[in-house]
Amino acid sequence: MLITAYGDPSQFEALHYFLSATRAVVPDFEGPAEDEPFLEFQVADPDVLRQRLIDAGLRDVTVDTTQKERVEVRSGRQFWDWTLGGNPIPGLLVADLTERQRADIIGVGTKETRVDGGR
């Protein structure tokens, strides 16, 4: 079995970039709660992930944290599409924003950026 999981949310550059761009347009945007991580981040600790897999009945579990996804985006639109297309959480976070606010967020990320897409 192969599982791709997110790492530590504090190290997830793409998430922070997305939240920063959103806050640049909507200053009172709260983003995700820091005291209760989204389900995707609840196994960010490799030891927690390993133990949960063992508890689920798997044997010979190895958690390899050496692979990192790097994504190069060339526009705010490309970053927006990558962010919202790859996971439902960002869509939930911005569900109440207006189309104008969404367009403005896309405009924030107009320069070429490389972001850490997680583990």
PDB file of N, CA and C in Angstrom:
ATOM      1  N   MET A   1       0.843  -1.156   0.000  1.00  0.00           N
ATOM      2  CA  MET A   1       0.000   0.000   0.000  1.00  0.00           C
ATOM      3  C   MET A   1       0.898   1.231   0.000  1.00  0.00           C
ATOM      4  N   LEU A   2       0.526   2.226  -0.759  1.00  0.00           N
ATOM      5  CA  LEU A   2       1.251   3.492  -0.803  1.00  0.00           C
ATOM      6  C   LEU A   2       0.276   4.593  -0.441  1.00  0.00           C
ATOM      7  N   ILE A   3       0.677   5.440   0.493  1.00  0.00           N
ATOM      8  CA  ILE A   3      -0.145   6.570   0.909  1.00  0.00           C
ATOM      9  C   ILE A   3       0.692   7.828   0.758  1.00  0.00           C
ATOM     10  N   THR A   4       0.116   8.835   0.156  1.00  0.00           N
ATOM     11  CA  THR A   4       0.743  10.147   0.130  1.00  0.00           C
ATOM     12  C   THR A   4      -0.002  10.994   1.141  1.00  0.00           C
ATOM     13  N   ALA A   5       0.728  11.558   2.091  1.00  0.00           N
ATOM     14  CA  ALA A   5       0.097  12.316   3.173  1.00  0.00           C
ATOM     15  C   ALA A   5       0.738  13.691   3.281  1.00  0.00           C
ATOM     16  N   TYR A   6      -0.017  14.617   3.805  1.00  0.00           N
ATOM     17  CA  TYR A   6       0.523  15.948   4.079  1.00  0.00           C
ATOM     18  C   TYR A   6       1.444  15.884   5.279  1.00  0.00           C
ATOM     19  N   GLY A   7       2.442  16.733   5.259  1.00  0.00           N
ATOM     20  CA  GLY A   7       3.328  16.860   6.401  1.00  0.00           C
ATOM     21  C   GLY A   7       2.800  17.907   7.362  1.00  0.00           C
ATOM     22  N   ASP A   8       3.678  18.390   8.182  1.00  0.00           N
ATOM     23  CA  ASP A   8       3.364  19.382   9.201  1.00  0.00           C
ATOM     24  C   ASP A   8       2.771  20.628   8.534  1.00  0.00           C
ATOM     25  N   PRO A   9       1.553  21.029   8.928  1.00  0.00           N
ATOM     26  CA  PRO A   9       0.936  22.194   8.288  1.00  0.00           C
ATOM     27  C   PRO A   9       1.751  23.477   8.446  1.00  0.00           C
ATOM     28  N   SER A  10       2.549  23.572   9.507  1.00  0.00           N
ATOM     29  CA  SER A  10       3.374  24.774   9.671  1.00  0.00           C
ATOM     30  C   SER A  10       4.470  24.841   8.614  1.00  0.00           C
ATOM     31  N   GLN A  11       4.792  23.698   7.979  1.00  0.00           N
ATOM     32  CA  GLN A  11       5.813  23.639   6.938  1.00  0.00           C
ATOM     33  C   GLN A  11       5.218  23.567   5.534  1.00  0.00           C
ATOM     34  N   PHE A  12       3.916  23.631   5.428  1.00  0.00           N
ATOM     35  CA  PHE A  12       3.214  23.465   4.148  1.00  0.00           C
ATOM     36  C   PHE A  12       3.120  24.829   3.468  1.00  0.00           C
ATOM     37  N   GLU A  13       4.153  25.151   2.693  1.00  0.00           N
ATOM     38  CA  GLU A  13       4.300  26.473   2.088  1.00  0.00           C
ATOM     39  C   GLU A  13       3.113  26.855   1.211  1.00  0.00           C
ATOM     40  N   ALA A  14       2.571  25.911   0.461  1.00  0.00           N
ATOM     41  CA  ALA A  14       1.444  26.220  -0.426  1.00  0.00           C
ATOM     42  C   ALA A  14       0.232  26.687   0.368  1.00  0.00           C
ATOM     43  N   LEU A  15      -0.022  26.053   1.502  1.00  0.00           N
ATOM     44  CA  LEU A  15      -1.143  26.460   2.349  1.00  0.00           C
ATOM     45  C   LEU A  15      -0.933  27.877   2.871  1.00  0.00           C
ATOM     46  N   HIS A  16       0.272  28.184   3.334  1.00  0.00           N
ATOM     47  CA  HIS A  16       0.554  29.516   3.862  1.00  0.00           C
ATOM     48  C   HIS A  16       0.479  30.580   2.773  1.00  0.00           C
ATOM     49  N   TYR A  17       0.932  30.246   1.594  1.00  0.00           N
ATOM     50  CA  TYR A  17       0.846  31.178   0.476  1.00  0.00           C
ATOM     51  C   TYR A  17      -0.618  31.473   0.140  1.00  0.00           C
ATOM     52  N   PHE A  18      -1.424  30.419   0.097  1.00  0.00           N
ATOM     53  CA  PHE A  18      -2.855  30.560  -0.184  1.00  0.00           C
ATOM     54  C   PHE A  18      -3.526  31.424   0.890  1.00  0.00           C
ATOM     55  N   LEU A  19      -3.229  31.147   2.152  1.00  0.00           N
ATOM     56  CA  LEU A  19      -3.827  31.926   3.241  1.00  0.00           C
ATOM     57  C   LEU A  19      -3.361  33.376   3.204  1.00  0.00           C
ATOM     58  N   SER A  20      -2.088  33.611   2.906  1.00  0.00           N
ATOM     59  CA  SER A  20      -1.571  34.981   2.815  1.00  0.00           C
ATOM     60  C   SER A  20      -2.229  35.753   1.688  1.00  0.00           C
ATOM     61  N   ALA A  21      -2.385  35.104   0.540  1.00  0.00           N
ATOM     62  CA  ALA A  21      -3.038  35.770  -0.597  1.00  0.00           C
ATOM     63  C   ALA A  21      -4.487  36.095  -0.253  1.00  0.00           C
ATOM     64  N   THR A  22      -5.144  35.186   0.435  1.00  0.00           N
ATOM     65  CA  THR A  22      -6.538  35.419   0.822  1.00  0.00           C
ATOM     66  C   THR A  22      -6.629  36.559   1.834  1.00  0.00           C
ATOM     67  N   ARG A  23      -5.733  36.587   2.801  1.00  0.00           N
ATOM     68  CA  ARG A  23      -5.742  37.667   3.805  1.00  0.00           C
ATOM     69  C   ARG A  23      -5.365  39.015   3.203  1.00  0.00           C
ATOM     70  N   ALA A  24      -4.599  39.004   2.129  1.00  0.00           N
ATOM     71  CA  ALA A  24      -4.266  40.267   1.463  1.00  0.00           C
ATOM     72  C   ALA A  24      -5.520  40.915   0.884  1.00  0.00           C
ATOM     73  N   VAL A  25      -6.496  40.104   0.520  1.00  0.00           N
ATOM     74  CA  VAL A  25      -7.749  40.598  -0.058  1.00  0.00           C
ATOM     75  C   VAL A  25      -8.826  40.738   1.013  1.00  0.00           C
ATOM     76  N   VAL A  26      -8.860  39.800   1.939  1.00  0.00           N
ATOM     77  CA  VAL A  26      -9.876  39.780   2.995  1.00  0.00           C
ATOM     78  C   VAL A  26      -9.129  39.765   4.335  1.00  0.00           C
ATOM     79  N   PRO A  27      -8.757  40.950   4.850  1.00  0.00           N
ATOM     80  CA  PRO A  27      -7.912  41.011   6.042  1.00  0.00           C
ATOM     81  C   PRO A  27      -8.466  40.283   7.271  1.00  0.00           C
ATOM     82  N   ASP A  28      -9.770  40.181   7.407  1.00  0.00           N
ATOM     83  CA  ASP A  28     -10.338  39.503   8.575  1.00  0.00           C
ATOM     84  C   ASP A  28     -10.560  38.003   8.346  1.00  0.00           C
ATOM     85  N   PHE A  29     -10.042  37.485   7.228  1.00  0.00           N
ATOM     86  CA  PHE A  29     -10.146  36.052   6.933  1.00  0.00           C
ATOM     87  C   PHE A  29      -9.398  35.265   8.002  1.00  0.00           C
ATOM     88  N   GLU A  30     -10.086  34.327   8.636  1.00  0.00           N
ATOM     89  CA  GLU A  30      -9.480  33.582   9.741  1.00  0.00           C
ATOM     90  C   GLU A  30      -8.690  32.369   9.285  1.00  0.00           C
ATOM     91  N   GLY A  31      -9.115  31.714   8.227  1.00  0.00           N
ATOM     92  CA  GLY A  31      -8.441  30.508   7.794  1.00  0.00           C
ATOM     93  C   GLY A  31      -8.795  29.343   8.703  1.00  0.00           C
ATOM     94  N   PRO A  32      -8.049  28.265   8.604  1.00  0.00           N
ATOM     95  CA  PRO A  32      -8.358  27.085   9.416  1.00  0.00           C
ATOM     96  C   PRO A  32      -7.998  27.297  10.879  1.00  0.00           C
ATOM     97  N   ALA A  33      -8.712  26.620  11.756  1.00  0.00           N
ATOM     98  CA  ALA A  33      -8.411  26.682  13.184  1.00  0.00           C
ATOM     99  C   ALA A  33      -7.071  26.005  13.441  1.00  0.00           C
ATOM    100  N   GLU A  34      -6.225  26.638  14.217  1.00  0.00           N
ATOM    101  CA  GLU A  34      -4.898  26.079  14.477  1.00  0.00           C
ATOM    102  C   GLU A  34      -4.927  25.007  15.558  1.00  0.00           C
ATOM    103  N   ASP A  35      -5.934  25.016  16.424  1.00  0.00           N
ATOM    104  CA  ASP A  35      -5.973  24.048  17.515  1.00  0.00           C
ATOM    105  C   ASP A  35      -6.643  22.724  17.136  1.00  0.00           C
ATOM    106  N   GLU A  36      -7.276  22.686  15.974  1.00  0.00           N
ATOM    107  CA  GLU A  36      -7.921  21.459  15.514  1.00  0.00           C
ATOM    108  C   GLU A  36      -7.623  21.289  14.027  1.00  0.00           C
ATOM    109  N   PRO A  37      -6.543  20.575  13.696  1.00  0.00           N
ATOM    110  CA  PRO A  37      -6.145  20.473  12.289  1.00  0.00           C
ATOM    111  C   PRO A  37      -7.165  19.699  11.449  1.00  0.00           C
ATOM    112  N   PHE A  38      -7.224  20.051  10.178  1.00  0.00           N
ATOM    113  CA  PHE A  38      -8.066  19.316   9.240  1.00  0.00           C
ATOM    114  C   PHE A  38      -7.650  17.850   9.240  1.00  0.00           C
ATOM    115  N   LEU A  39      -8.557  17.006   8.836  1.00  0.00           N
ATOM    116  CA  LEU A  39      -8.316  15.568   8.816  1.00  0.00           C
ATOM    117  C   LEU A  39      -7.016  15.226   8.093  1.00  0.00           C
ATOM    118  N   GLU A  40      -6.744  15.893   6.976  1.00  0.00           N
ATOM    119  CA  GLU A  40      -5.546  15.603   6.185  1.00  0.00           C
ATOM    120  C   GLU A  40      -4.255  15.817   6.969  1.00  0.00           C
ATOM    121  N   PHE A  41      -4.300  16.703   7.967  1.00  0.00           N
ATOM    122  CA  PHE A  41      -3.099  17.009   8.736  1.00  0.00           C
ATOM    123  C   PHE A  41      -3.032  16.252  10.067  1.00  0.00           C
ATOM    124  N   GLN A  42      -4.030  15.455  10.368  1.00  0.00           N
ATOM    125  CA  GLN A  42      -4.051  14.756  11.648  1.00  0.00           C
ATOM    126  C   GLN A  42      -3.047  13.613  11.716  1.00  0.00           C
ATOM    127  N   VAL A  43      -2.485  13.225  10.602  1.00  0.00           N
ATOM    128  CA  VAL A  43      -1.426  12.213  10.586  1.00  0.00           C
ATOM    129  C   VAL A  43      -0.127  12.811  10.037  1.00  0.00           C
ATOM    130  N   ALA A  44       0.046  14.106  10.226  1.00  0.00           N
ATOM    131  CA  ALA A  44       1.243  14.785   9.735  1.00  0.00           C
ATOM    132  C   ALA A  44       2.500  14.288  10.450  1.00  0.00           C
ATOM    133  N   ASP A  45       2.362  13.933  11.698  1.00  0.00           N
ATOM    134  CA  ASP A  45       3.486  13.381  12.446  1.00  0.00           C
ATOM    135  C   ASP A  45       3.723  11.951  11.956  1.00  0.00           C
ATOM    136  N   PRO A  46       4.908  11.650  11.434  1.00  0.00           N
ATOM    137  CA  PRO A  46       5.175  10.307  10.900  1.00  0.00           C
ATOM    138  C   PRO A  46       4.910   9.183  11.906  1.00  0.00           C
ATOM    139  N   ASP A  47       5.175   9.438  13.182  1.00  0.00           N
ATOM    140  CA  ASP A  47       4.929   8.408  14.200  1.00  0.00           C
ATOM    141  C   ASP A  47       3.436   8.150  14.383  1.00  0.00           C
ATOM    142  N   VAL A  48       2.637   9.207  14.305  1.00  0.00           N
ATOM    143  CA  VAL A  48       1.182   9.056  14.415  1.00  0.00           C
ATOM    144  C   VAL A  48       0.659   8.280  13.211  1.00  0.00           C
ATOM    145  N   LEU A  49       1.125   8.638  12.013  1.00  0.00           N
ATOM    146  CA  LEU A  49       0.701   7.924  10.809  1.00  0.00           C
ATOM    147  C   LEU A  49       1.071   6.446  10.909  1.00  0.00           C
ATOM    148  N   ARG A  50       2.292   6.174  11.286  1.00  0.00           N
ATOM    149  CA  ARG A  50       2.744   4.781  11.407  1.00  0.00           C
ATOM    150  C   ARG A  50       1.869   4.014  12.390  1.00  0.00           C
ATOM    151  N   GLN A  51       1.603   4.587  13.552  1.00  0.00           N
ATOM    152  CA  GLN A  51       0.811   3.891  14.559  1.00  0.00           C
ATOM    153  C   GLN A  51      -0.624   3.666  14.089  1.00  0.00           C
ATOM    154  N   ARG A  52      -1.196   4.631  13.408  1.00  0.00           N
ATOM    155  CA  ARG A  52      -2.569   4.452  12.916  1.00  0.00           C
ATOM    156  C   ARG A  52      -2.643   3.349  11.861  1.00  0.00           C
ATOM    157  N   LEU A  53      -1.615   3.239  11.038  1.00  0.00           N
ATOM    158  CA  LEU A  53      -1.588   2.163  10.040  1.00  0.00           C
ATOM    159  C   LEU A  53      -1.444   0.804  10.716  1.00  0.00           C
ATOM    160  N   ILE A  54      -0.617   0.745  11.738  1.00  0.00           N
ATOM    161  CA  ILE A  54      -0.469  -0.504  12.498  1.00  0.00           C
ATOM    162  C   ILE A  54      -1.780  -0.845  13.196  1.00  0.00           C
ATOM    163  N   ASP A  55      -2.410   0.156  13.806  1.00  0.00           N
ATOM    164  CA  ASP A  55      -3.689  -0.063  14.489  1.00  0.00           C
ATOM    165  C   ASP A  55      -4.770  -0.544  13.522  1.00  0.00           C
ATOM    166  N   ALA A  56      -4.623  -0.176  12.247  1.00  0.00           N
ATOM    167  CA  ALA A  56      -5.584  -0.604  11.222  1.00  0.00           C
ATOM    168  C   ALA A  56      -5.307  -2.029  10.735  1.00  0.00           C
ATOM    169  N   GLY A  57      -4.222  -2.622  11.244  1.00  0.00           N
ATOM    170  CA  GLY A  57      -3.941  -4.003  10.891  1.00  0.00           C
ATOM    171  C   GLY A  57      -2.829  -4.206   9.879  1.00  0.00           C
ATOM    172  N   LEU A  58      -2.196  -3.145   9.443  1.00  0.00           N
ATOM    173  CA  LEU A  58      -1.088  -3.297   8.494  1.00  0.00           C
ATOM    174  C   LEU A  58       0.170  -3.740   9.228  1.00  0.00           C
ATOM    175  N   ARG A  59       1.033  -4.461   8.519  1.00  0.00           N
ATOM    176  CA  ARG A  59       2.300  -4.926   9.095  1.00  0.00           C
ATOM    177  C   ARG A  59       3.452  -4.390   8.262  1.00  0.00           C
ATOM    178  N   ASP A  60       4.621  -4.402   8.832  1.00  0.00           N
ATOM    179  CA  ASP A  60       5.831  -3.940   8.144  1.00  0.00           C
ATOM    180  C   ASP A  60       5.646  -2.526   7.599  1.00  0.00           C
ATOM    181  N   VAL A  61       5.169  -1.626   8.427  1.00  0.00           N
ATOM    182  CA  VAL A  61       4.868  -0.251   8.029  1.00  0.00           C
ATOM    183  C   VAL A  61       6.149   0.584   8.032  1.00  0.00           C
ATOM    184  N   THR A  62       6.400   1.253   6.924  1.00  0.00           N
ATOM    185  CA  THR A  62       7.506   2.194   6.800  1.00  0.00           C
ATOM    186  C   THR A  62       6.941   3.536   6.373  1.00  0.00           C
ATOM    187  N   VAL A  63       7.298   4.571   7.083  1.00  0.00           N
ATOM    188  CA  VAL A  63       6.881   5.926   6.720  1.00  0.00           C
ATOM    189  C   VAL A  63       8.135   6.655   6.239  1.00  0.00           C
ATOM    190  N   ASP A  64       8.153   7.010   4.970  1.00  0.00           N
ATOM    191  CA  ASP A  64       9.298   7.674   4.342  1.00  0.00           C
ATOM    192  C   ASP A  64       8.949   9.143   4.152  1.00  0.00           C
ATOM    193  N   THR A  65       9.680  10.017   4.820  1.00  0.00           N
ATOM    194  CA  THR A  65       9.396  11.455   4.730  1.00  0.00           C
ATOM    195  C   THR A  65      10.401  12.191   3.845  1.00  0.00           C
ATOM    196  N   THR A  66      11.133  11.452   3.013  1.00  0.00           N
ATOM    197  CA  THR A  66      12.173  12.091   2.205  1.00  0.00           C
ATOM    198  C   THR A  66      11.649  12.725   0.929  1.00  0.00           C
ATOM    199  N   GLN A  67      10.470  12.347   0.498  1.00  0.00           N
ATOM    200  CA  GLN A  67       9.928  12.885  -0.760  1.00  0.00           C
ATOM    201  C   GLN A  67       9.081  14.121  -0.498  1.00  0.00           C
ATOM    202  N   LYS A  68       9.358  15.174  -1.208  1.00  0.00           N
ATOM    203  CA  LYS A  68       8.590  16.415  -1.098  1.00  0.00           C
ATOM    204  C   LYS A  68       8.101  16.800  -2.482  1.00  0.00           C
ATOM    205  N   GLU A  69       6.860  17.204  -2.561  1.00  0.00           N
ATOM    206  CA  GLU A  69       6.317  17.671  -3.837  1.00  0.00           C
ATOM    207  C   GLU A  69       6.670  19.143  -3.990  1.00  0.00           C
ATOM    208  N   ARG A  70       7.228  19.487  -5.127  1.00  0.00           N
ATOM    209  CA  ARG A  70       7.496  20.888  -5.460  1.00  0.00           C
ATOM    210  C   ARG A  70       6.665  21.239  -6.676  1.00  0.00           C
ATOM    211  N   VAL A  71       5.974  22.324  -6.579  1.00  0.00           N
ATOM    212  CA  VAL A  71       5.098  22.751  -7.659  1.00  0.00           C
ATOM    213  C   VAL A  71       5.548  24.132  -8.110  1.00  0.00           C
ATOM    214  N   GLU A  72       5.733  24.283  -9.407  1.00  0.00           N
ATOM    215  CA  GLU A  72       6.065  25.597  -9.939  1.00  0.00           C
ATOM    216  C   GLU A  72       4.828  26.158 -10.606  1.00  0.00           C
ATOM    217  N   VAL A  73       4.416  27.310 -10.135  1.00  0.00           N
ATOM    218  CA  VAL A  73       3.250  27.960 -10.730  1.00  0.00           C
ATOM    219  C   VAL A  73       3.692  29.286 -11.332  1.00  0.00           C
ATOM    220  N   ARG A  74       3.085  29.615 -12.441  1.00  0.00           N
ATOM    221  CA  ARG A  74       3.495  30.814 -13.174  1.00  0.00           C
ATOM    222  C   ARG A  74       2.475  31.945 -13.103  1.00  0.00           C
ATOM    223  N   SER A  75       1.354  31.674 -12.449  1.00  0.00           N
ATOM    224  CA  SER A  75       0.340  32.728 -12.349  1.00  0.00           C
ATOM    225  C   SER A  75      -0.546  32.470 -11.144  1.00  0.00           C
ATOM    226  N   GLY A  76      -1.226  33.522 -10.725  1.00  0.00           N
ATOM    227  CA  GLY A  76      -2.188  33.378  -9.647  1.00  0.00           C
ATOM    228  C   GLY A  76      -3.305  32.424 -10.027  1.00  0.00           C
ATOM    229  N   ARG A  77      -3.728  32.446 -11.288  1.00  0.00           N
ATOM    230  CA  ARG A  77      -4.787  31.538 -11.752  1.00  0.00           C
ATOM    231  C   ARG A  77      -4.332  30.086 -11.667  1.00  0.00           C
ATOM    232  N   GLN A  78      -3.101  29.807 -12.088  1.00  0.00           N
ATOM    233  CA  GLN A  78      -2.599  28.447 -12.030  1.00  0.00           C
ATOM    234  C   GLN A  78      -2.515  27.970 -10.575  1.00  0.00           C
ATOM    235  N   PHE A  79      -2.050  28.836  -9.678  1.00  0.00           N
ATOM    236  CA  PHE A  79      -1.972  28.459  -8.270  1.00  0.00           C
ATOM    237  C   PHE A  79      -3.368  28.222  -7.692  1.00  0.00           C
ATOM    238  N   TRP A  80      -4.303  29.102  -8.017  1.00  0.00           N
ATOM    239  CA  TRP A  80      -5.688  28.957  -7.550  1.00  0.00           C
ATOM    240  C   TRP A  80      -6.269  27.623  -8.024  1.00  0.00           C
ATOM    241  N   ASP A  81      -6.103  27.329  -9.296  1.00  0.00           N
ATOM    242  CA  ASP A  81      -6.641  26.086  -9.847  1.00  0.00           C
ATOM    243  C   ASP A  81      -5.987  24.864  -9.205  1.00  0.00           C
ATOM    244  N   TRP A  82      -4.662  24.912  -9.015  1.00  0.00           N
ATOM    245  CA  TRP A  82      -3.956  23.803  -8.379  1.00  0.00           C
ATOM    246  C   TRP A  82      -4.437  23.614  -6.940  1.00  0.00           C
ATOM    247  N   THR A  83      -4.579  24.723  -6.215  1.00  0.00           N
ATOM    248  CA  THR A  83      -4.978  24.657  -4.808  1.00  0.00           C
ATOM    249  C   THR A  83      -6.394  24.121  -4.653  1.00  0.00           C
ATOM    250  N   LEU A  84      -7.347  24.676  -5.400  1.00  0.00           N
ATOM    251  CA  LEU A  84      -8.730  24.249  -5.249  1.00  0.00           C
ATOM    252  C   LEU A  84      -9.011  22.921  -5.934  1.00  0.00           C
ATOM    253  N   GLY A  85      -8.231  22.576  -6.945  1.00  0.00           N
ATOM    254  CA  GLY A  85      -8.459  21.325  -7.662  1.00  0.00           C
ATOM    255  C   GLY A  85      -7.891  20.103  -6.978  1.00  0.00           C
ATOM    256  N   GLY A  86      -6.943  20.290  -6.073  1.00  0.00           N
ATOM    257  CA  GLY A  86      -6.276  19.159  -5.468  1.00  0.00           C
ATOM    258  C   GLY A  86      -6.812  18.727  -4.123  1.00  0.00           C
ATOM    259  N   ASN A  87      -7.695  19.523  -3.535  1.00  0.00           N
ATOM    260  CA  ASN A  87      -8.160  19.223  -2.190  1.00  0.00           C
ATOM    261  C   ASN A  87      -9.406  20.054  -1.910  1.00  0.00           C
ATOM    262  N   PRO A  88     -10.411  19.490  -1.265  1.00  0.00           N
ATOM    263  CA  PRO A  88     -11.642  20.252  -1.008  1.00  0.00           C
ATOM    264  C   PRO A  88     -11.510  21.309   0.083  1.00  0.00           C
ATOM    265  N   ILE A  89     -10.498  21.227   0.927  1.00  0.00           N
ATOM    266  CA  ILE A  89     -10.387  22.161   2.054  1.00  0.00           C
ATOM    267  C   ILE A  89     -10.296  23.617   1.614  1.00  0.00           C
ATOM    268  N   PRO A  90      -9.399  23.987   0.680  1.00  0.00           N
ATOM    269  CA  PRO A  90      -9.344  25.396   0.280  1.00  0.00           C
ATOM    270  C   PRO A  90     -10.686  25.910  -0.241  1.00  0.00           C
ATOM    271  N   GLY A  91     -11.404  25.074  -0.975  1.00  0.00           N
ATOM    272  CA  GLY A  91     -12.720  25.480  -1.462  1.00  0.00           C
ATOM    273  C   GLY A  91     -13.684  25.772  -0.331  1.00  0.00           C
ATOM    274  N   LEU A  92     -13.617  24.972   0.726  1.00  0.00           N
ATOM    275  CA  LEU A  92     -14.455  25.220   1.899  1.00  0.00           C
ATOM    276  C   LEU A  92     -14.065  26.518   2.591  1.00  0.00           C
ATOM    277  N   LEU A  93     -12.773  26.804   2.634  1.00  0.00           N
ATOM    278  CA  LEU A  93     -12.297  28.015   3.298  1.00  0.00           C
ATOM    279  C   LEU A  93     -12.754  29.290   2.598  1.00  0.00           C
ATOM    280  N   VAL A  94     -12.881  29.232   1.273  1.00  0.00           N
ATOM    281  CA  VAL A  94     -13.244  30.439   0.514  1.00  0.00           C
ATOM    282  C   VAL A  94     -14.668  30.383  -0.036  1.00  0.00           C
ATOM    283  N   ALA A  95     -15.451  29.440   0.446  1.00  0.00           N
ATOM    284  CA  ALA A  95     -16.810  29.246  -0.084  1.00  0.00           C
ATOM    285  C   ALA A  95     -17.686  30.477   0.051  1.00  0.00           C
ATOM    286  N   ASP A  96     -17.481  31.270   1.083  1.00  0.00           N
ATOM    287  CA  ASP A  96     -18.336  32.435   1.321  1.00  0.00           C
ATOM    288  C   ASP A  96     -17.814  33.717   0.682  1.00  0.00           C
ATOM    289  N   LEU A  97     -16.700  33.649  -0.022  1.00  0.00           N
ATOM    290  CA  LEU A  97     -16.158  34.851  -0.651  1.00  0.00           C
ATOM    291  C   LEU A  97     -16.900  35.165  -1.942  1.00  0.00           C
ATOM    292  N   THR A  98     -16.899  36.435  -2.298  1.00  0.00           N
ATOM    293  CA  THR A  98     -17.543  36.853  -3.539  1.00  0.00           C
ATOM    294  C   THR A  98     -16.642  36.524  -4.726  1.00  0.00           C
ATOM    295  N   GLU A  99     -17.217  36.545  -5.907  1.00  0.00           N
ATOM    296  CA  GLU A  99     -16.418  36.317  -7.120  1.00  0.00           C
ATOM    297  C   GLU A  99     -15.332  37.380  -7.256  1.00  0.00           C
ATOM    298  N   ARG A 100     -15.637  38.607  -6.869  1.00  0.00           N
ATOM    299  CA  ARG A 100     -14.647  39.683  -6.934  1.00  0.00           C
ATOM    300  C   ARG A 100     -13.476  39.398  -5.994  1.00  0.00           C
ATOM    301  N   GLN A 101     -13.781  38.949  -4.774  1.00  0.00           N
ATOM    302  CA  GLN A 101     -12.719  38.618  -3.831  1.00  0.00           C
ATOM    303  C   GLN A 101     -11.864  37.471  -4.364  1.00  0.00           C
ATOM    304  N   ARG A 102     -12.516  36.486  -4.957  1.00  0.00           N
ATOM    305  CA  ARG A 102     -11.766  35.362  -5.530  1.00  0.00           C
ATOM    306  C   ARG A 102     -10.843  35.845  -6.645  1.00  0.00           C
ATOM    307  N   ALA A 103     -11.351  36.704  -7.504  1.00  0.00           N
ATOM    308  CA  ALA A 103     -10.537  37.245  -8.597  1.00  0.00           C
ATOM    309  C   ALA A 103      -9.362  38.053  -8.049  1.00  0.00           C
ATOM    310  N   ASP A 104      -9.602  38.804  -6.983  1.00  0.00           N
ATOM    311  CA  ASP A 104      -8.528  39.591  -6.374  1.00  0.00           C
ATOM    312  C   ASP A 104      -7.460  38.690  -5.750  1.00  0.00           C
ATOM    313  N   ILE A 105      -7.873  37.588  -5.157  1.00  0.00           N
ATOM    314  CA  ILE A 105      -6.904  36.639  -4.595  1.00  0.00           C
ATOM    315  C   ILE A 105      -6.045  36.060  -5.704  1.00  0.00           C
ATOM    316  N   ILE A 106      -6.661  35.718  -6.804  1.00  0.00           N
ATOM    317  CA  ILE A 106      -5.911  35.212  -7.955  1.00  0.00           C
ATOM    318  C   ILE A 106      -4.902  36.252  -8.410  1.00  0.00           C
ATOM    319  N   GLY A 107      -5.288  37.528  -8.379  1.00  0.00           N
ATOM    320  CA  GLY A 107      -4.400  38.610  -8.777  1.00  0.00           C
ATOM    321  C   GLY A 107      -3.201  38.784  -7.862  1.00  0.00           C
ATOM    322  N   VAL A 108      -3.342  38.403  -6.602  1.00  0.00           N
ATOM    323  CA  VAL A 108      -2.237  38.527  -5.648  1.00  0.00           C
ATOM    324  C   VAL A 108      -1.080  37.635  -6.067  1.00  0.00           C
ATOM    325  N   GLY A 109      -1.377  36.471  -6.598  1.00  0.00           N
ATOM    326  CA  GLY A 109      -0.323  35.511  -6.935  1.00  0.00           C
ATOM    327  C   GLY A 109       0.122  35.581  -8.376  1.00  0.00           C
ATOM    328  N   THR A 110       0.343  36.768  -8.919  1.00  0.00           N
ATOM    329  CA  THR A 110       0.678  36.885 -10.337  1.00  0.00           C
ATOM    330  C   THR A 110       2.136  36.590 -10.657  1.00  0.00           C
ATOM    331  N   LYS A 111       3.042  36.675  -9.686  1.00  0.00           N
ATOM    332  CA  LYS A 111       4.441  36.405 -10.004  1.00  0.00           C
ATOM    333  C   LYS A 111       4.724  34.911  -9.943  1.00  0.00           C
ATOM    334  N   GLU A 112       5.739  34.485 -10.637  1.00  0.00           N
ATOM    335  CA  GLU A 112       6.110  33.061 -10.647  1.00  0.00           C
ATOM    336  C   GLU A 112       6.554  32.655  -9.248  1.00  0.00           C
ATOM    337  N   THR A 113       6.015  31.554  -8.786  1.00  0.00           N
ATOM    338  CA  THR A 113       6.274  31.095  -7.439  1.00  0.00           C
ATOM    339  C   THR A 113       6.491  29.590  -7.427  1.00  0.00           C
ATOM    340  N   ARG A 114       7.396  29.134  -6.589  1.00  0.00           N
ATOM    341  CA  ARG A 114       7.542  27.706  -6.320  1.00  0.00           C
ATOM    342  C   ARG A 114       7.049  27.510  -4.900  1.00  0.00           C
ATOM    343  N   VAL A 115       6.155  26.568  -4.722  1.00  0.00           N
ATOM    344  CA  VAL A 115       5.625  26.326  -3.394  1.00  0.00           C
ATOM    345  C   VAL A 115       5.736  24.853  -3.047  1.00  0.00           C
ATOM    346  N   ASP A 116       5.912  24.601  -1.782  1.00  0.00           N
ATOM    347  CA  ASP A 116       5.975  23.235  -1.258  1.00  0.00           C
ATOM    348  C   ASP A 116       4.555  22.707  -1.206  1.00  0.00           C
ATOM    349  N   GLY A 117       4.282  21.682  -1.979  1.00  0.00           N
ATOM    350  CA  GLY A 117       2.941  21.121  -2.052  1.00  0.00           C
ATOM    351  C   GLY A 117       2.669  20.064  -1.021  1.00  0.00           C
ATOM    352  N   GLY A 118       3.484  19.901  -0.048  1.00  0.00           N
ATOM    353  CA  GLY A 118       3.248  18.913   0.986  1.00  0.00           C
ATOM    354  C   GLY A 118       4.172  17.729   0.856  1.00  0.00           C
ATOM    355  N   ARG A 119       3.879  16.694   1.573  1.00  0.00           N
ATOM    356  CA  ARG A 119       4.715  15.504   1.588  1.00  0.00           C
ATOM    357  C   ARG A 119       4.257  14.542   0.541  1.00  0.00           C
TER     358      ARG A 119
END
